[in-house]
């Protein structure tokens, strides 16, 4: 896994702070079963964030940056 630059680390911190309590099961509804593979669906994003693969991180960063992450999480919960 490549090292995240300063901008990505800042954004990751913001994502973790705002969405850290989101269950991995919810994120799997959005991004697929590969998110945090091996972790139970009840684990929280804050628990597995450091171990996410680059694909999952990129998707989260993109949706957070474009303002779509909140909406996607809300829709996945219903």
PDB file of N, CA and C in Angstrom:
ATOM      1  N   UNK A   1       0.857  -1.169   0.000  1.00  0.00           N
ATOM      2  CA  UNK A   1       0.000   0.000   0.000  1.00  0.00           C
ATOM      3  C   UNK A   1       0.904   1.233   0.000  1.00  0.00           C
ATOM      4  N   UNK A   2       0.576   2.204  -0.805  1.00  0.00           N
ATOM      5  CA  UNK A   2       1.381   3.409  -0.883  1.00  0.00           C
ATOM      6  C   UNK A   2       1.068   4.339   0.286  1.00  0.00           C
ATOM      7  N   UNK A   3       2.058   5.173   0.610  1.00  0.00           N
ATOM      8  CA  UNK A   3       1.844   6.141   1.682  1.00  0.00           C
ATOM      9  C   UNK A   3       0.921   7.248   1.210  1.00  0.00           C
ATOM     10  N   UNK A   4       0.029   7.653   2.065  1.00  0.00           N
ATOM     11  CA  UNK A   4      -0.883   8.747   1.735  1.00  0.00           C
ATOM     12  C   UNK A   4      -0.158  10.066   1.918  1.00  0.00           C
ATOM     13  N   UNK A   5      -0.394  10.983   1.006  1.00  0.00           N
ATOM     14  CA  UNK A   5       0.183  12.309   1.110  1.00  0.00           C
ATOM     15  C   UNK A   5      -0.544  13.125   2.163  1.00  0.00           C
ATOM     16  N   UNK A   6      -0.039  14.334   2.451  1.00  0.00           N
ATOM     17  CA  UNK A   6      -0.660  15.172   3.489  1.00  0.00           C
ATOM     18  C   UNK A   6      -2.137  15.465   3.237  1.00  0.00           C
ATOM     19  N   UNK A   7      -2.518  15.707   1.985  1.00  0.00           N
ATOM     20  CA  UNK A   7      -3.920  15.999   1.687  1.00  0.00           C
ATOM     21  C   UNK A   7      -4.812  14.794   1.969  1.00  0.00           C
ATOM     22  N   UNK A   8      -4.352  13.611   1.594  1.00  0.00           N
ATOM     23  CA  UNK A   8      -5.136  12.398   1.835  1.00  0.00           C
ATOM     24  C   UNK A   8      -5.248  12.103   3.321  1.00  0.00           C
ATOM     25  N   UNK A   9      -4.163  12.304   4.076  1.00  0.00           N
ATOM     26  CA  UNK A   9      -4.219  12.062   5.521  1.00  0.00           C
ATOM     27  C   UNK A   9      -5.222  12.997   6.178  1.00  0.00           C
ATOM     28  N   UNK A  10      -5.232  14.260   5.766  1.00  0.00           N
ATOM     29  CA  UNK A  10      -6.189  15.220   6.327  1.00  0.00           C
ATOM     30  C   UNK A  10      -7.614  14.781   5.989  1.00  0.00           C
ATOM     31  N   UNK A  11      -7.825  14.428   4.738  1.00  0.00           N
ATOM     32  CA  UNK A  11      -9.157  13.996   4.306  1.00  0.00           C
ATOM     33  C   UNK A  11      -9.558  12.708   5.025  1.00  0.00           C
ATOM     34  N   UNK A  12      -8.616  11.778   5.185  1.00  0.00           N
ATOM     35  CA  UNK A  12      -8.913  10.531   5.896  1.00  0.00           C
ATOM     36  C   UNK A  12      -9.320  10.824   7.332  1.00  0.00           C
ATOM     37  N   UNK A  13      -8.647  11.779   7.964  1.00  0.00           N
ATOM     38  CA  UNK A  13      -8.998  12.166   9.328  1.00  0.00           C
ATOM     39  C   UNK A  13     -10.400  12.733   9.401  1.00  0.00           C
ATOM     40  N   UNK A  14     -10.761  13.537   8.409  1.00  0.00           N
ATOM     41  CA  UNK A  14     -12.113  14.108   8.358  1.00  0.00           C
ATOM     42  C   UNK A  14     -13.154  13.013   8.158  1.00  0.00           C
ATOM     43  N   UNK A  15     -12.871  12.087   7.255  1.00  0.00           N
ATOM     44  CA  UNK A  15     -13.802  10.976   6.999  1.00  0.00           C
ATOM     45  C   UNK A  15     -13.956  10.140   8.262  1.00  0.00           C
ATOM     46  N   UNK A  16     -12.839   9.800   8.880  1.00  0.00           N
ATOM     47  CA  UNK A  16     -12.880   9.002  10.104  1.00  0.00           C
ATOM     48  C   UNK A  16     -13.630   9.688  11.223  1.00  0.00           C
ATOM     49  N   UNK A  17     -13.442  10.992  11.339  1.00  0.00           N
ATOM     50  CA  UNK A  17     -14.136  11.744  12.388  1.00  0.00           C
ATOM     51  C   UNK A  17     -15.637  11.796  12.136  1.00  0.00           C
ATOM     52  N   UNK A  18     -16.007  12.082  10.902  1.00  0.00           N
ATOM     53  CA  UNK A  18     -17.425  12.258  10.581  1.00  0.00           C
ATOM     54  C   UNK A  18     -18.176  10.927  10.426  1.00  0.00           C
ATOM     55  N   UNK A  19     -17.502   9.920   9.876  1.00  0.00           N
ATOM     56  CA  UNK A  19     -18.186   8.670   9.548  1.00  0.00           C
ATOM     57  C   UNK A  19     -17.600   7.455  10.260  1.00  0.00           C
ATOM     58  N   UNK A  20     -16.779   7.675  11.267  1.00  0.00           N
ATOM     59  CA  UNK A  20     -16.117   6.576  11.971  1.00  0.00           C
ATOM     60  C   UNK A  20     -17.057   5.576  12.602  1.00  0.00           C
ATOM     61  N   UNK A  21     -18.253   5.993  12.959  1.00  0.00           N
ATOM     62  CA  UNK A  21     -19.220   5.090  13.593  1.00  0.00           C
ATOM     63  C   UNK A  21     -20.030   4.280  12.587  1.00  0.00           C
ATOM     64  N   UNK A  22     -19.799   4.501  11.309  1.00  0.00           N
ATOM     65  CA  UNK A  22     -20.527   3.770  10.267  1.00  0.00           C
ATOM     66  C   UNK A  22     -20.095   2.313  10.265  1.00  0.00           C
ATOM     67  N   UNK A  23     -21.067   1.416  10.283  1.00  0.00           N
ATOM     68  CA  UNK A  23     -20.784  -0.019  10.281  1.00  0.00           C
ATOM     69  C   UNK A  23     -20.219  -0.450   8.928  1.00  0.00           C
ATOM     70  N   UNK A  24     -19.290  -1.375   8.966  1.00  0.00           N
ATOM     71  CA  UNK A  24     -18.708  -1.919   7.741  1.00  0.00           C
ATOM     72  C   UNK A  24     -19.793  -2.556   6.877  1.00  0.00           C
ATOM     73  N   UNK A  25     -20.786  -3.169   7.493  1.00  0.00           N
ATOM     74  CA  UNK A  25     -21.892  -3.751   6.729  1.00  0.00           C
ATOM     75  C   UNK A  25     -22.596  -2.712   5.868  1.00  0.00           C
ATOM     76  N   UNK A  26     -22.724  -1.497   6.368  1.00  0.00           N
ATOM     77  CA  UNK A  26     -23.339  -0.410   5.598  1.00  0.00           C
ATOM     78  C   UNK A  26     -22.453  -0.046   4.416  1.00  0.00           C
ATOM     79  N   UNK A  27     -21.158   0.055   4.656  1.00  0.00           N
ATOM     80  CA  UNK A  27     -20.242   0.393   3.563  1.00  0.00           C
ATOM     81  C   UNK A  27     -20.198  -0.700   2.505  1.00  0.00           C
ATOM     82  N   UNK A  28     -20.385  -1.946   2.923  1.00  0.00           N
ATOM     83  CA  UNK A  28     -20.420  -3.048   1.954  1.00  0.00           C
ATOM     84  C   UNK A  28     -21.657  -2.965   1.059  1.00  0.00           C
ATOM     85  N   UNK A  29     -22.752  -2.447   1.585  1.00  0.00           N
ATOM     86  CA  UNK A  29     -23.939  -2.248   0.747  1.00  0.00           C
ATOM     87  C   UNK A  29     -23.650  -1.232  -0.353  1.00  0.00           C
ATOM     88  N   UNK A  30     -22.775  -0.288  -0.071  1.00  0.00           N
ATOM     89  CA  UNK A  30     -22.455   0.772  -1.022  1.00  0.00           C
ATOM     90  C   UNK A  30     -21.353   0.339  -1.989  1.00  0.00           C
ATOM     91  N   UNK A  31     -20.265  -0.203  -1.449  1.00  0.00           N
ATOM     92  CA  UNK A  31     -19.052  -0.433  -2.238  1.00  0.00           C
ATOM     93  C   UNK A  31     -18.756  -1.894  -2.543  1.00  0.00           C
ATOM     94  N   UNK A  32     -19.537  -2.805  -1.992  1.00  0.00           N
ATOM     95  CA  UNK A  32     -19.316  -4.220  -2.274  1.00  0.00           C
ATOM     96  C   UNK A  32     -18.705  -4.961  -1.096  1.00  0.00           C
ATOM     97  N   UNK A  33     -18.737  -6.271  -1.185  1.00  0.00           N
ATOM     98  CA  UNK A  33     -18.325  -7.144  -0.091  1.00  0.00           C
ATOM     99  C   UNK A  33     -16.823  -7.108   0.189  1.00  0.00           C
ATOM    100  N   UNK A  34     -16.033  -6.536  -0.690  1.00  0.00           N
ATOM    101  CA  UNK A  34     -14.592  -6.490  -0.497  1.00  0.00           C
ATOM    102  C   UNK A  34     -14.123  -5.452   0.499  1.00  0.00           C
ATOM    103  N   UNK A  35     -15.009  -4.571   0.935  1.00  0.00           N
ATOM    104  CA  UNK A  35     -14.621  -3.532   1.888  1.00  0.00           C
ATOM    105  C   UNK A  35     -14.307  -4.187   3.228  1.00  0.00           C
ATOM    106  N   UNK A  36     -13.098  -3.958   3.712  1.00  0.00           N
ATOM    107  CA  UNK A  36     -12.647  -4.499   5.004  1.00  0.00           C
ATOM    108  C   UNK A  36     -12.889  -6.003   5.080  1.00  0.00           C
ATOM    109  N   UNK A  37     -12.483  -6.699   4.019  1.00  0.00           N
ATOM    110  CA  UNK A  37     -12.648  -8.151   3.970  1.00  0.00           C
ATOM    111  C   UNK A  37     -12.035  -8.777   5.215  1.00  0.00           C
ATOM    112  N   UNK A  38     -12.744  -9.717   5.783  1.00  0.00           N
ATOM    113  CA  UNK A  38     -12.282 -10.397   6.978  1.00  0.00           C
ATOM    114  C   UNK A  38     -12.773  -9.770   8.268  1.00  0.00           C
ATOM    115  N   UNK A  39     -13.332  -8.583   8.171  1.00  0.00           N
ATOM    116  CA  UNK A  39     -13.880  -7.919   9.356  1.00  0.00           C
ATOM    117  C   UNK A  39     -15.373  -8.184   9.427  1.00  0.00           C
ATOM    118  N   UNK A  40     -15.911  -8.343  10.628  1.00  0.00           N
ATOM    119  CA  UNK A  40     -17.354  -8.540  10.740  1.00  0.00           C
ATOM    120  C   UNK A  40     -18.114  -7.285  10.314  1.00  0.00           C
ATOM    121  N   UNK A  41     -19.320  -7.445   9.809  1.00  0.00           N
ATOM    122  CA  UNK A  41     -20.101  -6.296   9.345  1.00  0.00           C
ATOM    123  C   UNK A  41     -20.451  -5.317  10.454  1.00  0.00           C
ATOM    124  N   UNK A  42     -20.342  -5.747  11.698  1.00  0.00           N
ATOM    125  CA  UNK A  42     -20.658  -4.873  12.828  1.00  0.00           C
ATOM    126  C   UNK A  42     -19.484  -3.981  13.232  1.00  0.00           C
ATOM    127  N   UNK A  43     -18.281  -4.279  12.726  1.00  0.00           N
ATOM    128  CA  UNK A  43     -17.140  -3.399  13.011  1.00  0.00           C
ATOM    129  C   UNK A  43     -17.431  -2.012  12.447  1.00  0.00           C
ATOM    130  N   UNK A  44     -16.847  -1.028  13.060  1.00  0.00           N
ATOM    131  CA  UNK A  44     -17.033   0.362  12.643  1.00  0.00           C
ATOM    132  C   UNK A  44     -15.882   0.789  11.729  1.00  0.00           C
ATOM    133  N   UNK A  45     -16.149   1.756  10.884  1.00  0.00           N
ATOM    134  CA  UNK A  45     -15.122   2.279   9.983  1.00  0.00           C
ATOM    135  C   UNK A  45     -13.884   2.706  10.766  1.00  0.00           C
ATOM    136  N   UNK A  46     -14.081   3.346  11.905  1.00  0.00           N
ATOM    137  CA  UNK A  46     -12.937   3.803  12.698  1.00  0.00           C
ATOM    138  C   UNK A  46     -12.061   2.638  13.160  1.00  0.00           C
ATOM    139  N   UNK A  47     -12.635   1.455  13.331  1.00  0.00           N
ATOM    140  CA  UNK A  47     -11.874   0.279  13.758  1.00  0.00           C
ATOM    141  C   UNK A  47     -10.988  -0.275  12.648  1.00  0.00           C
ATOM    142  N   UNK A  48     -11.431  -0.174  11.417  1.00  0.00           N
ATOM    143  CA  UNK A  48     -10.720  -0.816  10.303  1.00  0.00           C
ATOM    144  C   UNK A  48     -10.061   0.181   9.348  1.00  0.00           C
ATOM    145  N   UNK A  49     -10.282   1.463   9.552  1.00  0.00           N
ATOM    146  CA  UNK A  49      -9.793   2.475   8.610  1.00  0.00           C
ATOM    147  C   UNK A  49      -8.314   2.300   8.261  1.00  0.00           C
ATOM    148  N   UNK A  50      -7.439   2.081   9.245  1.00  0.00           N
ATOM    149  CA  UNK A  50      -6.020   1.956   8.905  1.00  0.00           C
ATOM    150  C   UNK A  50      -5.698   0.744   8.021  1.00  0.00           C
ATOM    151  N   UNK A  51      -6.592  -0.226   7.977  1.00  0.00           N
ATOM    152  CA  UNK A  51      -6.339  -1.457   7.222  1.00  0.00           C
ATOM    153  C   UNK A  51      -7.103  -1.544   5.906  1.00  0.00           C
ATOM    154  N   UNK A  52      -7.824  -0.498   5.535  1.00  0.00           N
ATOM    155  CA  UNK A  52      -8.567  -0.535   4.274  1.00  0.00           C
ATOM    156  C   UNK A  52      -7.613  -0.573   3.093  1.00  0.00           C
ATOM    157  N   UNK A  53      -8.017  -1.301   2.056  1.00  0.00           N
ATOM    158  CA  UNK A  53      -7.179  -1.343   0.865  1.00  0.00           C
ATOM    159  C   UNK A  53      -7.325  -0.047   0.066  1.00  0.00           C
ATOM    160  N   UNK A  54      -6.440   0.142  -0.873  1.00  0.00           N
ATOM    161  CA  UNK A  54      -6.397   1.395  -1.630  1.00  0.00           C
ATOM    162  C   UNK A  54      -7.678   1.639  -2.429  1.00  0.00           C
ATOM    163  N   UNK A  55      -8.302   0.583  -2.922  1.00  0.00           N
ATOM    164  CA  UNK A  55      -9.552   0.740  -3.676  1.00  0.00           C
ATOM    165  C   UNK A  55     -10.651   1.323  -2.795  1.00  0.00           C
ATOM    166  N   UNK A  56     -10.825   0.750  -1.611  1.00  0.00           N
ATOM    167  CA  UNK A  56     -11.855   1.233  -0.693  1.00  0.00           C
ATOM    168  C   UNK A  56     -11.553   2.667  -0.259  1.00  0.00           C
ATOM    169  N   UNK A  57     -10.288   2.946   0.043  1.00  0.00           N
ATOM    170  CA  UNK A  57      -9.911   4.303   0.436  1.00  0.00           C
ATOM    171  C   UNK A  57     -10.204   5.303  -0.681  1.00  0.00           C
ATOM    172  N   UNK A  58      -9.878   4.943  -1.897  1.00  0.00           N
ATOM    173  CA  UNK A  58     -10.119   5.840  -3.030  1.00  0.00           C
ATOM    174  C   UNK A  58     -11.599   6.136  -3.209  1.00  0.00           C
ATOM    175  N   UNK A  59     -12.427   5.100  -3.066  1.00  0.00           N
ATOM    176  CA  UNK A  59     -13.867   5.288  -3.212  1.00  0.00           C
ATOM    177  C   UNK A  59     -14.412   6.188  -2.106  1.00  0.00           C
ATOM    178  N   UNK A  60     -13.987   5.949  -0.882  1.00  0.00           N
ATOM    179  CA  UNK A  60     -14.430   6.787   0.234  1.00  0.00           C
ATOM    180  C   UNK A  60     -13.988   8.233   0.048  1.00  0.00           C
ATOM    181  N   UNK A  61     -12.725   8.422  -0.327  1.00  0.00           N
ATOM    182  CA  UNK A  61     -12.200   9.776  -0.534  1.00  0.00           C
ATOM    183  C   UNK A  61     -12.959  10.505  -1.632  1.00  0.00           C
ATOM    184  N   UNK A  62     -13.201   9.804  -2.734  1.00  0.00           N
ATOM    185  CA  UNK A  62     -13.918  10.410  -3.857  1.00  0.00           C
ATOM    186  C   UNK A  62     -15.315  10.840  -3.440  1.00  0.00           C
ATOM    187  N   UNK A  63     -16.051   9.943  -2.814  1.00  0.00           N
ATOM    188  CA  UNK A  63     -17.425  10.269  -2.427  1.00  0.00           C
ATOM    189  C   UNK A  63     -17.470  11.340  -1.344  1.00  0.00           C
ATOM    190  N   UNK A  64     -16.507  11.338  -0.443  1.00  0.00           N
ATOM    191  CA  UNK A  64     -16.450  12.379   0.582  1.00  0.00           C
ATOM    192  C   UNK A  64     -16.151  13.734  -0.061  1.00  0.00           C
ATOM    193  N   UNK A  65     -15.177  13.749  -0.944  1.00  0.00           N
ATOM    194  CA  UNK A  65     -14.759  14.994  -1.593  1.00  0.00           C
ATOM    195  C   UNK A  65     -15.889  15.593  -2.437  1.00  0.00           C
ATOM    196  N   UNK A  66     -16.673  14.751  -3.093  1.00  0.00           N
ATOM    197  CA  UNK A  66     -17.756  15.244  -3.946  1.00  0.00           C
ATOM    198  C   UNK A  66     -19.044  15.498  -3.176  1.00  0.00           C
ATOM    199  N   UNK A  67     -19.042  15.149  -1.877  1.00  0.00           N
ATOM    200  CA  UNK A  67     -20.229  15.381  -1.058  1.00  0.00           C
ATOM    201  C   UNK A  67     -21.290  14.306  -1.178  1.00  0.00           C
ATOM    202  N   UNK A  68     -20.950  13.159  -1.755  1.00  0.00           N
ATOM    203  CA  UNK A  68     -21.926  12.092  -1.961  1.00  0.00           C
ATOM    204  C   UNK A  68     -21.948  11.049  -0.852  1.00  0.00           C
ATOM    205  N   UNK A  69     -20.943  11.033   0.004  1.00  0.00           N
ATOM    206  CA  UNK A  69     -20.847   9.966   1.001  1.00  0.00           C
ATOM    207  C   UNK A  69     -22.024   9.989   1.975  1.00  0.00           C
ATOM    208  N   UNK A  70     -22.385  11.148   2.482  1.00  0.00           N
ATOM    209  CA  UNK A  70     -23.532  11.233   3.408  1.00  0.00           C
ATOM    210  C   UNK A  70     -24.789  10.643   2.789  1.00  0.00           C
ATOM    211  N   UNK A  71     -25.061  11.026   1.560  1.00  0.00           N
ATOM    212  CA  UNK A  71     -26.258  10.569   0.852  1.00  0.00           C
ATOM    213  C   UNK A  71     -26.220   9.049   0.649  1.00  0.00           C
ATOM    214  N   UNK A  72     -25.071   8.525   0.254  1.00  0.00           N
ATOM    215  CA  UNK A  72     -24.958   7.087   0.016  1.00  0.00           C
ATOM    216  C   UNK A  72     -25.155   6.298   1.310  1.00  0.00           C
ATOM    217  N   UNK A  73     -24.598   6.783   2.404  1.00  0.00           N
ATOM    218  CA  UNK A  73     -24.761   6.110   3.690  1.00  0.00           C
ATOM    219  C   UNK A  73     -26.226   6.141   4.114  1.00  0.00           C
ATOM    220  N   UNK A  74     -26.862   7.290   3.976  1.00  0.00           N
ATOM    221  CA  UNK A  74     -28.276   7.422   4.332  1.00  0.00           C
ATOM    222  C   UNK A  74     -29.117   6.451   3.530  1.00  0.00           C
ATOM    223  N   UNK A  75     -28.888   6.378   2.228  1.00  0.00           N
ATOM    224  CA  UNK A  75     -29.657   5.460   1.376  1.00  0.00           C
ATOM    225  C   UNK A  75     -29.407   4.005   1.737  1.00  0.00           C
ATOM    226  N   UNK A  76     -28.184   3.657   2.100  1.00  0.00           N
ATOM    227  CA  UNK A  76     -27.860   2.266   2.448  1.00  0.00           C
ATOM    228  C   UNK A  76     -28.530   1.848   3.748  1.00  0.00           C
ATOM    229  N   UNK A  77     -28.827   2.792   4.606  1.00  0.00           N
ATOM    230  CA  UNK A  77     -29.471   2.482   5.888  1.00  0.00           C
ATOM    231  C   UNK A  77     -30.971   2.253   5.758  1.00  0.00           C
ATOM    232  N   UNK A  78     -31.538   2.612   4.627  1.00  0.00           N
ATOM    233  CA  UNK A  78     -32.989   2.452   4.443  1.00  0.00           C
ATOM    234  C   UNK A  78     -33.320   1.295   3.549  1.00  0.00           C
TER     235      UNK A  78
END
